[in-house]
Amino acid sequence: MSNSNVLTKAQRESLAQAKRFYRRHYGSLEGWTITKFIGMSEDSFGGKAFPQFLINKGEQASIMEISQDEEGNGGGFIFHDLMEKNQ
């Protein structure tokens, strides 16, 4: 019997830590509203540009950028089906 599907204690702890991080990171966006697509920022290293959005929560405003990963190695893409629904 193979143990390839069994996680070690360290792997389980690492997964739990990642889940906590993403819950806290993405959970901080709750209540914010995308109010404007600003455009595509320039990537100073020549990579993919980052989509930028103005987001608001009450009187607070911030800019949100979409990256392909946590390290900011290039712009990302958001999948949605609203273009077809709003035509």
PDB file of N, CA and C in Angstrom:
ATOM      1  N   MET A   1       0.845  -1.186   0.000  1.00  0.00           N
ATOM      2  CA  MET A   1       0.000   0.000   0.000  1.00  0.00           C
ATOM      3  C   MET A   1       0.882   1.239   0.000  1.00  0.00           C
ATOM      4  N   SER A   2       0.573   2.182  -0.886  1.00  0.00           N
ATOM      5  CA  SER A   2       1.376   3.391  -1.038  1.00  0.00           C
ATOM      6  C   SER A   2       0.941   4.457  -0.047  1.00  0.00           C
ATOM      7  N   ASN A   3       1.908   5.190   0.485  1.00  0.00           N
ATOM      8  CA  ASN A   3       1.627   6.302   1.398  1.00  0.00           C
ATOM      9  C   ASN A   3       1.689   7.643   0.679  1.00  0.00           C
ATOM     10  N   SER A   4       1.646   7.644  -0.664  1.00  0.00           N
ATOM     11  CA  SER A   4       1.793   8.884  -1.424  1.00  0.00           C
ATOM     12  C   SER A   4       0.629   9.846  -1.203  1.00  0.00           C
ATOM     13  N   ASN A   5      -0.531   9.350  -0.768  1.00  0.00           N
ATOM     14  CA  ASN A   5      -1.687  10.214  -0.533  1.00  0.00           C
ATOM     15  C   ASN A   5      -1.799  10.672   0.907  1.00  0.00           C
ATOM     16  N   VAL A   6      -0.858  10.261   1.751  1.00  0.00           N
ATOM     17  CA  VAL A   6      -0.899  10.615   3.162  1.00  0.00           C
ATOM     18  C   VAL A   6       0.030  11.795   3.388  1.00  0.00           C
ATOM     19  N   LEU A   7      -0.509  12.864   3.990  1.00  0.00           N
ATOM     20  CA  LEU A   7       0.301  14.046   4.263  1.00  0.00           C
ATOM     21  C   LEU A   7       1.042  13.885   5.587  1.00  0.00           C
ATOM     22  N   THR A   8       2.237  14.430   5.608  1.00  0.00           N
ATOM     23  CA  THR A   8       2.981  14.442   6.857  1.00  0.00           C
ATOM     24  C   THR A   8       2.415  15.526   7.761  1.00  0.00           C
ATOM     25  N   LYS A   9       2.784  15.492   9.009  1.00  0.00           N
ATOM     26  CA  LYS A   9       2.342  16.521   9.955  1.00  0.00           C
ATOM     27  C   LYS A   9       2.806  17.901   9.488  1.00  0.00           C
ATOM     28  N   ALA A  10       4.024  18.000   9.004  1.00  0.00           N
ATOM     29  CA  ALA A  10       4.552  19.275   8.517  1.00  0.00           C
ATOM     30  C   ALA A  10       3.761  19.780   7.306  1.00  0.00           C
ATOM     31  N   GLN A  11       3.379  18.871   6.410  1.00  0.00           N
ATOM     32  CA  GLN A  11       2.595  19.269   5.241  1.00  0.00           C
ATOM     33  C   GLN A  11       1.206  19.743   5.653  1.00  0.00           C
ATOM     34  N   ARG A  12       0.579  19.038   6.607  1.00  0.00           N
ATOM     35  CA  ARG A  12      -0.738  19.458   7.097  1.00  0.00           C
ATOM     36  C   ARG A  12      -0.662  20.822   7.760  1.00  0.00           C
ATOM     37  N   GLU A  13       0.378  21.060   8.539  1.00  0.00           N
ATOM     38  CA  GLU A  13       0.547  22.363   9.189  1.00  0.00           C
ATOM     39  C   GLU A  13       0.782  23.465   8.169  1.00  0.00           C
ATOM     40  N   SER A  14       1.554  23.162   7.125  1.00  0.00           N
ATOM     41  CA  SER A  14       1.815  24.135   6.070  1.00  0.00           C
ATOM     42  C   SER A  14       0.524  24.489   5.318  1.00  0.00           C
ATOM     43  N   LEU A  15      -0.288  23.483   5.022  1.00  0.00           N
ATOM     44  CA  LEU A  15      -1.574  23.734   4.358  1.00  0.00           C
ATOM     45  C   LEU A  15      -2.503  24.558   5.246  1.00  0.00           C
ATOM     46  N   ALA A  16      -2.540  24.247   6.518  1.00  0.00           N
ATOM     47  CA  ALA A  16      -3.389  24.998   7.448  1.00  0.00           C
ATOM     48  C   ALA A  16      -2.924  26.442   7.543  1.00  0.00           C
ATOM     49  N   GLN A  17      -1.617  26.658   7.569  1.00  0.00           N
ATOM     50  CA  GLN A  17      -1.072  28.012   7.616  1.00  0.00           C
ATOM     51  C   GLN A  17      -1.433  28.782   6.349  1.00  0.00           C
ATOM     52  N   ALA A  18      -1.336  28.140   5.195  1.00  0.00           N
ATOM     53  CA  ALA A  18      -1.692  28.786   3.927  1.00  0.00           C
ATOM     54  C   ALA A  18      -3.178  29.147   3.905  1.00  0.00           C
ATOM     55  N   LYS A  19      -4.035  28.246   4.376  1.00  0.00           N
ATOM     56  CA  LYS A  19      -5.475  28.535   4.417  1.00  0.00           C
ATOM     57  C   LYS A  19      -5.758  29.733   5.302  1.00  0.00           C
ATOM     58  N   ARG A  20      -5.093  29.814   6.458  1.00  0.00           N
ATOM     59  CA  ARG A  20      -5.290  30.968   7.357  1.00  0.00           C
ATOM     60  C   ARG A  20      -4.849  32.263   6.689  1.00  0.00           C
ATOM     61  N   PHE A  21      -3.698  32.211   6.008  1.00  0.00           N
ATOM     62  CA  PHE A  21      -3.194  33.391   5.318  1.00  0.00           C
ATOM     63  C   PHE A  21      -4.187  33.876   4.274  1.00  0.00           C
ATOM     64  N   TYR A  22      -4.642  32.964   3.391  1.00  0.00           N
ATOM     65  CA  TYR A  22      -5.552  33.364   2.315  1.00  0.00           C
ATOM     66  C   TYR A  22      -6.900  33.810   2.859  1.00  0.00           C
ATOM     67  N   ARG A  23      -7.378  33.184   3.905  1.00  0.00           N
ATOM     68  CA  ARG A  23      -8.640  33.613   4.507  1.00  0.00           C
ATOM     69  C   ARG A  23      -8.508  35.040   5.030  1.00  0.00           C
ATOM     70  N   ARG A  24      -7.386  35.340   5.701  1.00  0.00           N
ATOM     71  CA  ARG A  24      -7.166  36.684   6.236  1.00  0.00           C
ATOM     72  C   ARG A  24      -6.932  37.678   5.095  1.00  0.00           C
ATOM     73  N   HIS A  25      -6.110  37.292   4.121  1.00  0.00           N
ATOM     74  CA  HIS A  25      -5.769  38.191   3.011  1.00  0.00           C
ATOM     75  C   HIS A  25      -6.999  38.530   2.177  1.00  0.00           C
ATOM     76  N   TYR A  26      -7.694  37.512   1.674  1.00  0.00           N
ATOM     77  CA  TYR A  26      -8.857  37.761   0.822  1.00  0.00           C
ATOM     78  C   TYR A  26     -10.063  38.192   1.632  1.00  0.00           C
ATOM     79  N   GLY A  27     -10.156  37.762   2.874  1.00  0.00           N
ATOM     80  CA  GLY A  27     -11.246  38.200   3.737  1.00  0.00           C
ATOM     81  C   GLY A  27     -11.219  39.696   3.988  1.00  0.00           C
ATOM     82  N   SER A  28     -10.022  40.299   3.922  1.00  0.00           N
ATOM     83  CA  SER A  28      -9.919  41.744   4.133  1.00  0.00           C
ATOM     84  C   SER A  28     -10.603  42.536   3.017  1.00  0.00           C
ATOM     85  N   LEU A  29     -10.925  41.884   1.901  1.00  0.00           N
ATOM     86  CA  LEU A  29     -11.631  42.554   0.801  1.00  0.00           C
ATOM     87  C   LEU A  29     -13.147  42.594   1.009  1.00  0.00           C
ATOM     88  N   GLU A  30     -13.643  41.834   1.969  1.00  0.00           N
ATOM     89  CA  GLU A  30     -15.093  41.797   2.201  1.00  0.00           C
ATOM     90  C   GLU A  30     -15.607  43.191   2.541  1.00  0.00           C
ATOM     91  N   GLY A  31     -16.693  43.552   1.893  1.00  0.00           N
ATOM     92  CA  GLY A  31     -17.303  44.853   2.125  1.00  0.00           C
ATOM     93  C   GLY A  31     -16.810  45.947   1.190  1.00  0.00           C
ATOM     94  N   TRP A  32     -15.718  45.706   0.503  1.00  0.00           N
ATOM     95  CA  TRP A  32     -15.202  46.673  -0.471  1.00  0.00           C
ATOM     96  C   TRP A  32     -15.947  46.488  -1.787  1.00  0.00           C
ATOM     97  N   THR A  33     -16.047  47.563  -2.545  1.00  0.00           N
ATOM     98  CA  THR A  33     -16.734  47.540  -3.828  1.00  0.00           C
ATOM     99  C   THR A  33     -15.788  48.033  -4.914  1.00  0.00           C
ATOM    100  N   ILE A  34     -15.713  47.296  -6.009  1.00  0.00           N
ATOM    101  CA  ILE A  34     -14.958  47.782  -7.165  1.00  0.00           C
ATOM    102  C   ILE A  34     -15.801  48.875  -7.804  1.00  0.00           C
ATOM    103  N   THR A  35     -15.252  50.075  -7.866  1.00  0.00           N
ATOM    104  CA  THR A  35     -16.013  51.192  -8.416  1.00  0.00           C
ATOM    105  C   THR A  35     -15.509  51.654  -9.777  1.00  0.00           C
ATOM    106  N   LYS A  36     -14.283  51.232 -10.132  1.00  0.00           N
ATOM    107  CA  LYS A  36     -13.756  51.687 -11.422  1.00  0.00           C
ATOM    108  C   LYS A  36     -12.597  50.798 -11.851  1.00  0.00           C
ATOM    109  N   PHE A  37     -12.554  50.466 -13.129  1.00  0.00           N
ATOM    110  CA  PHE A  37     -11.366  49.856 -13.715  1.00  0.00           C
ATOM    111  C   PHE A  37     -10.447  51.000 -14.101  1.00  0.00           C
ATOM    112  N   ILE A  38      -9.282  51.081 -13.481  1.00  0.00           N
ATOM    113  CA  ILE A  38      -8.348  52.179 -13.726  1.00  0.00           C
ATOM    114  C   ILE A  38      -7.598  51.967 -15.036  1.00  0.00           C
ATOM    115  N   GLY A  39      -7.155  50.748 -15.262  1.00  0.00           N
ATOM    116  CA  GLY A  39      -6.386  50.441 -16.464  1.00  0.00           C
ATOM    117  C   GLY A  39      -5.330  49.405 -16.139  1.00  0.00           C
ATOM    118  N   MET A  40      -4.347  49.317 -17.003  1.00  0.00           N
ATOM    119  CA  MET A  40      -3.276  48.345 -16.840  1.00  0.00           C
ATOM    120  C   MET A  40      -2.009  49.083 -16.443  1.00  0.00           C
ATOM    121  N   SER A  41      -1.421  48.720 -15.301  1.00  0.00           N
ATOM    122  CA  SER A  41      -0.188  49.358 -14.863  1.00  0.00           C
ATOM    123  C   SER A  41       0.981  48.808 -15.664  1.00  0.00           C
ATOM    124  N   GLU A  42       2.032  49.568 -15.722  1.00  0.00           N
ATOM    125  CA  GLU A  42       3.233  49.114 -16.415  1.00  0.00           C
ATOM    126  C   GLU A  42       4.035  48.214 -15.485  1.00  0.00           C
ATOM    127  N   ASP A  43       4.607  47.176 -16.035  1.00  0.00           N
ATOM    128  CA  ASP A  43       5.522  46.324 -15.291  1.00  0.00           C
ATOM    129  C   ASP A  43       6.932  46.777 -15.641  1.00  0.00           C
ATOM    130  N   SER A  44       7.649  47.322 -14.668  1.00  0.00           N
ATOM    131  CA  SER A  44       8.976  47.887 -14.920  1.00  0.00           C
ATOM    132  C   SER A  44      10.003  46.839 -15.342  1.00  0.00           C
ATOM    133  N   PHE A  45       9.676  45.553 -15.181  1.00  0.00           N
ATOM    134  CA  PHE A  45      10.585  44.493 -15.590  1.00  0.00           C
ATOM    135  C   PHE A  45      10.212  43.898 -16.945  1.00  0.00           C
ATOM    136  N   GLY A  46       9.233  44.477 -17.618  1.00  0.00           N
ATOM    137  CA  GLY A  46       8.858  44.026 -18.947  1.00  0.00           C
ATOM    138  C   GLY A  46       7.887  42.859 -18.988  1.00  0.00           C
ATOM    139  N   GLY A  47       7.307  42.512 -17.843  1.00  0.00           N
ATOM    140  CA  GLY A  47       6.344  41.411 -17.794  1.00  0.00           C
ATOM    141  C   GLY A  47       4.948  41.879 -18.125  1.00  0.00           C
ATOM    142  N   LYS A  48       3.982  41.036 -17.821  1.00  0.00           N
ATOM    143  CA  LYS A  48       2.580  41.366 -18.056  1.00  0.00           C
ATOM    144  C   LYS A  48       2.156  42.530 -17.174  1.00  0.00           C
ATOM    145  N   ALA A  49       1.366  43.431 -17.737  1.00  0.00           N
ATOM    146  CA  ALA A  49       0.838  44.565 -16.972  1.00  0.00           C
ATOM    147  C   ALA A  49      -0.192  44.069 -15.951  1.00  0.00           C
ATOM    148  N   PHE A  50      -0.389  44.842 -14.894  1.00  0.00           N
ATOM    149  CA  PHE A  50      -1.307  44.485 -13.821  1.00  0.00           C
ATOM    150  C   PHE A  50      -2.633  45.233 -13.977  1.00  0.00           C
ATOM    151  N   PRO A  51      -3.766  44.527 -14.051  1.00  0.00           N
ATOM    152  CA  PRO A  51      -5.056  45.214 -14.038  1.00  0.00           C
ATOM    153  C   PRO A  51      -5.224  45.940 -12.697  1.00  0.00           C
ATOM    154  N   GLN A  52      -5.646  47.198 -12.748  1.00  0.00           N
ATOM    155  CA  GLN A  52      -5.836  47.996 -11.540  1.00  0.00           C
ATOM    156  C   GLN A  52      -7.298  48.407 -11.413  1.00  0.00           C
ATOM    157  N   PHE A  53      -7.807  48.324 -10.186  1.00  0.00           N
ATOM    158  CA  PHE A  53      -9.183  48.699  -9.891  1.00  0.00           C
ATOM    159  C   PHE A  53      -9.212  49.643  -8.704  1.00  0.00           C
ATOM    160  N   LEU A  54     -10.094  50.632  -8.758  1.00  0.00           N
ATOM    161  CA  LEU A  54     -10.366  51.471  -7.598  1.00  0.00           C
ATOM    162  C   LEU A  54     -11.423  50.755  -6.781  1.00  0.00           C
ATOM    163  N   ILE A  55     -11.153  50.568  -5.491  1.00  0.00           N
ATOM    164  CA  ILE A  55     -12.129  49.937  -4.610  1.00  0.00           C
ATOM    165  C   ILE A  55     -12.457  50.891  -3.474  1.00  0.00           C
ATOM    166  N   ASN A  56     -13.704  50.844  -3.027  1.00  0.00           N
ATOM    167  CA  ASN A  56     -14.172  51.734  -1.967  1.00  0.00           C
ATOM    168  C   ASN A  56     -14.911  50.954  -0.895  1.00  0.00           C
ATOM    169  N   LYS A  57     -14.801  51.475   0.326  1.00  0.00           N
ATOM    170  CA  LYS A  57     -15.554  50.960   1.471  1.00  0.00           C
ATOM    171  C   LYS A  57     -15.882  52.161   2.332  1.00  0.00           C
ATOM    172  N   GLY A  58     -17.133  52.610   2.235  1.00  0.00           N
ATOM    173  CA  GLY A  58     -17.497  53.843   2.925  1.00  0.00           C
ATOM    174  C   GLY A  58     -16.692  55.004   2.357  1.00  0.00           C
ATOM    175  N   GLU A  59     -16.003  55.726   3.220  1.00  0.00           N
ATOM    176  CA  GLU A  59     -15.180  56.861   2.788  1.00  0.00           C
ATOM    177  C   GLU A  59     -13.762  56.435   2.409  1.00  0.00           C
ATOM    178  N   GLN A  60     -13.423  55.178   2.624  1.00  0.00           N
ATOM    179  CA  GLN A  60     -12.082  54.688   2.318  1.00  0.00           C
ATOM    180  C   GLN A  60     -11.974  54.328   0.837  1.00  0.00           C
ATOM    181  N   ALA A  61     -10.798  54.545   0.274  1.00  0.00           N
ATOM    182  CA  ALA A  61     -10.534  54.168  -1.112  1.00  0.00           C
ATOM    183  C   ALA A  61      -9.150  53.537  -1.179  1.00  0.00           C
ATOM    184  N   SER A  62      -8.994  52.605  -2.105  1.00  0.00           N
ATOM    185  CA  SER A  62      -7.715  51.940  -2.291  1.00  0.00           C
ATOM    186  C   SER A  62      -7.632  51.448  -3.728  1.00  0.00           C
ATOM    187  N   ILE A  63      -6.436  51.092  -4.135  1.00  0.00           N
ATOM    188  CA  ILE A  63      -6.231  50.518  -5.460  1.00  0.00           C
ATOM    189  C   ILE A  63      -5.896  49.044  -5.288  1.00  0.00           C
ATOM    190  N   MET A  64      -6.568  48.203  -6.046  1.00  0.00           N
ATOM    191  CA  MET A  64      -6.327  46.767  -6.024  1.00  0.00           C
ATOM    192  C   MET A  64      -5.736  46.373  -7.378  1.00  0.00           C
ATOM    193  N   GLU A  65      -4.637  45.621  -7.341  1.00  0.00           N
ATOM    194  CA  GLU A  65      -4.032  45.104  -8.555  1.00  0.00           C
ATOM    195  C   GLU A  65      -4.128  43.581  -8.556  1.00  0.00           C
ATOM    196  N   ILE A  66      -4.270  43.013  -9.728  1.00  0.00           N
ATOM    197  CA  ILE A  66      -4.371  41.568  -9.867  1.00  0.00           C
ATOM    198  C   ILE A  66      -3.033  41.043 -10.387  1.00  0.00           C
ATOM    199  N   SER A  67      -2.432  40.138  -9.608  1.00  0.00           N
ATOM    200  CA  SER A  67      -1.142  39.560  -9.959  1.00  0.00           C
ATOM    201  C   SER A  67      -1.303  38.071 -10.242  1.00  0.00           C
ATOM    202  N   GLN A  68      -0.361  37.513 -10.977  1.00  0.00           N
ATOM    203  CA  GLN A  68      -0.417  36.079 -11.268  1.00  0.00           C
ATOM    204  C   GLN A  68       0.040  35.239 -10.088  1.00  0.00           C
ATOM    205  N   ASP A  69       0.694  35.868  -9.103  1.00  0.00           N
ATOM    206  CA  ASP A  69       1.124  35.139  -7.915  1.00  0.00           C
ATOM    207  C   ASP A  69       1.412  36.112  -6.774  1.00  0.00           C
ATOM    208  N   GLU A  70       1.742  35.572  -5.616  1.00  0.00           N
ATOM    209  CA  GLU A  70       1.979  36.377  -4.431  1.00  0.00           C
ATOM    210  C   GLU A  70       3.232  37.241  -4.534  1.00  0.00           C
ATOM    211  N   GLU A  71       4.124  36.908  -5.443  1.00  0.00           N
ATOM    212  CA  GLU A  71       5.382  37.633  -5.573  1.00  0.00           C
ATOM    213  C   GLU A  71       5.314  38.788  -6.566  1.00  0.00           C
ATOM    214  N   GLY A  72       4.182  38.962  -7.230  1.00  0.00           N
ATOM    215  CA  GLY A  72       4.048  40.055  -8.186  1.00  0.00           C
ATOM    216  C   GLY A  72       4.844  39.831  -9.464  1.00  0.00           C
ATOM    217  N   ASN A  73       4.898  38.591  -9.936  1.00  0.00           N
ATOM    218  CA  ASN A  73       5.684  38.263 -11.121  1.00  0.00           C
ATOM    219  C   ASN A  73       4.986  38.582 -12.436  1.00  0.00           C
ATOM    220  N   GLY A  74       3.949  39.334 -12.403  1.00  0.00           N
ATOM    221  CA  GLY A  74       3.253  39.712 -13.628  1.00  0.00           C
ATOM    222  C   GLY A  74       1.765  39.807 -13.380  1.00  0.00           C
ATOM    223  N   GLY A  75       1.098  40.484 -14.279  1.00  0.00           N
ATOM    224  CA  GLY A  75      -0.334  40.675 -14.145  1.00  0.00           C
ATOM    225  C   GLY A  75      -1.108  39.379 -14.251  1.00  0.00           C
ATOM    226  N   GLY A  76      -2.277  39.380 -13.650  1.00  0.00           N
ATOM    227  CA  GLY A  76      -3.140  38.210 -13.667  1.00  0.00           C
ATOM    228  C   GLY A  76      -4.412  38.468 -14.441  1.00  0.00           C
ATOM    229  N   PHE A  77      -5.309  37.540 -14.360  1.00  0.00           N
ATOM    230  CA  PHE A  77      -6.561  37.612 -15.102  1.00  0.00           C
ATOM    231  C   PHE A  77      -7.693  37.153 -14.211  1.00  0.00           C
ATOM    232  N   ILE A  78      -8.809  37.880 -14.244  1.00  0.00           N
ATOM    233  CA  ILE A  78     -10.002  37.512 -13.477  1.00  0.00           C
ATOM    234  C   ILE A  78     -11.016  36.925 -14.448  1.00  0.00           C
ATOM    235  N   PHE A  79     -11.466  35.735 -14.168  1.00  0.00           N
ATOM    236  CA  PHE A  79     -12.499  35.126 -15.002  1.00  0.00           C
ATOM    237  C   PHE A  79     -13.875  35.542 -14.486  1.00  0.00           C
ATOM    238  N   HIS A  80     -14.761  35.929 -15.396  1.00  0.00           N
ATOM    239  CA  HIS A  80     -16.152  36.224 -15.053  1.00  0.00           C
ATOM    240  C   HIS A  80     -16.986  36.095 -16.316  1.00  0.00           C
ATOM    241  N   ASP A  81     -18.312  36.097 -16.127  1.00  0.00           N
ATOM    242  CA  ASP A  81     -19.200  35.966 -17.284  1.00  0.00           C
ATOM    243  C   ASP A  81     -20.111  37.173 -17.437  1.00  0.00           C
ATOM    244  N   LEU A  82     -19.722  38.315 -16.886  1.00  0.00           N
ATOM    245  CA  LEU A  82     -20.583  39.479 -16.896  1.00  0.00           C
ATOM    246  C   LEU A  82     -20.640  40.183 -18.246  1.00  0.00           C
ATOM    247  N   MET A  83     -19.610  40.069 -19.071  1.00  0.00           N
ATOM    248  CA  MET A  83     -19.640  40.736 -20.367  1.00  0.00           C
ATOM    249  C   MET A  83     -20.792  40.219 -21.202  1.00  0.00           C
ATOM    250  N   GLU A  84     -20.973  38.911 -21.225  1.00  0.00           N
ATOM    251  CA  GLU A  84     -22.057  38.322 -22.000  1.00  0.00           C
ATOM    252  C   GLU A  84     -23.419  38.699 -21.427  1.00  0.00           C
ATOM    253  N   LYS A  85     -23.521  38.762 -20.100  1.00  0.00           N
ATOM    254  CA  LYS A  85     -24.792  39.061 -19.460  1.00  0.00           C
ATOM    255  C   LYS A  85     -25.194  40.528 -19.609  1.00  0.00           C
ATOM    256  N   ASN A  86     -24.225  41.429 -19.759  1.00  0.00           N
ATOM    257  CA  ASN A  86     -24.507  42.865 -19.806  1.00  0.00           C
ATOM    258  C   ASN A  86     -24.594  43.417 -21.220  1.00  0.00           C
ATOM    259  N   GLN A  87     -24.549  42.559 -22.245  1.00  0.00           N
ATOM    260  CA  GLN A  87     -24.600  43.064 -23.614  1.00  0.00           C
ATOM    261  C   GLN A  87     -26.009  43.212 -24.093  1.00  0.00           C
TER     262      GLN A  87
END
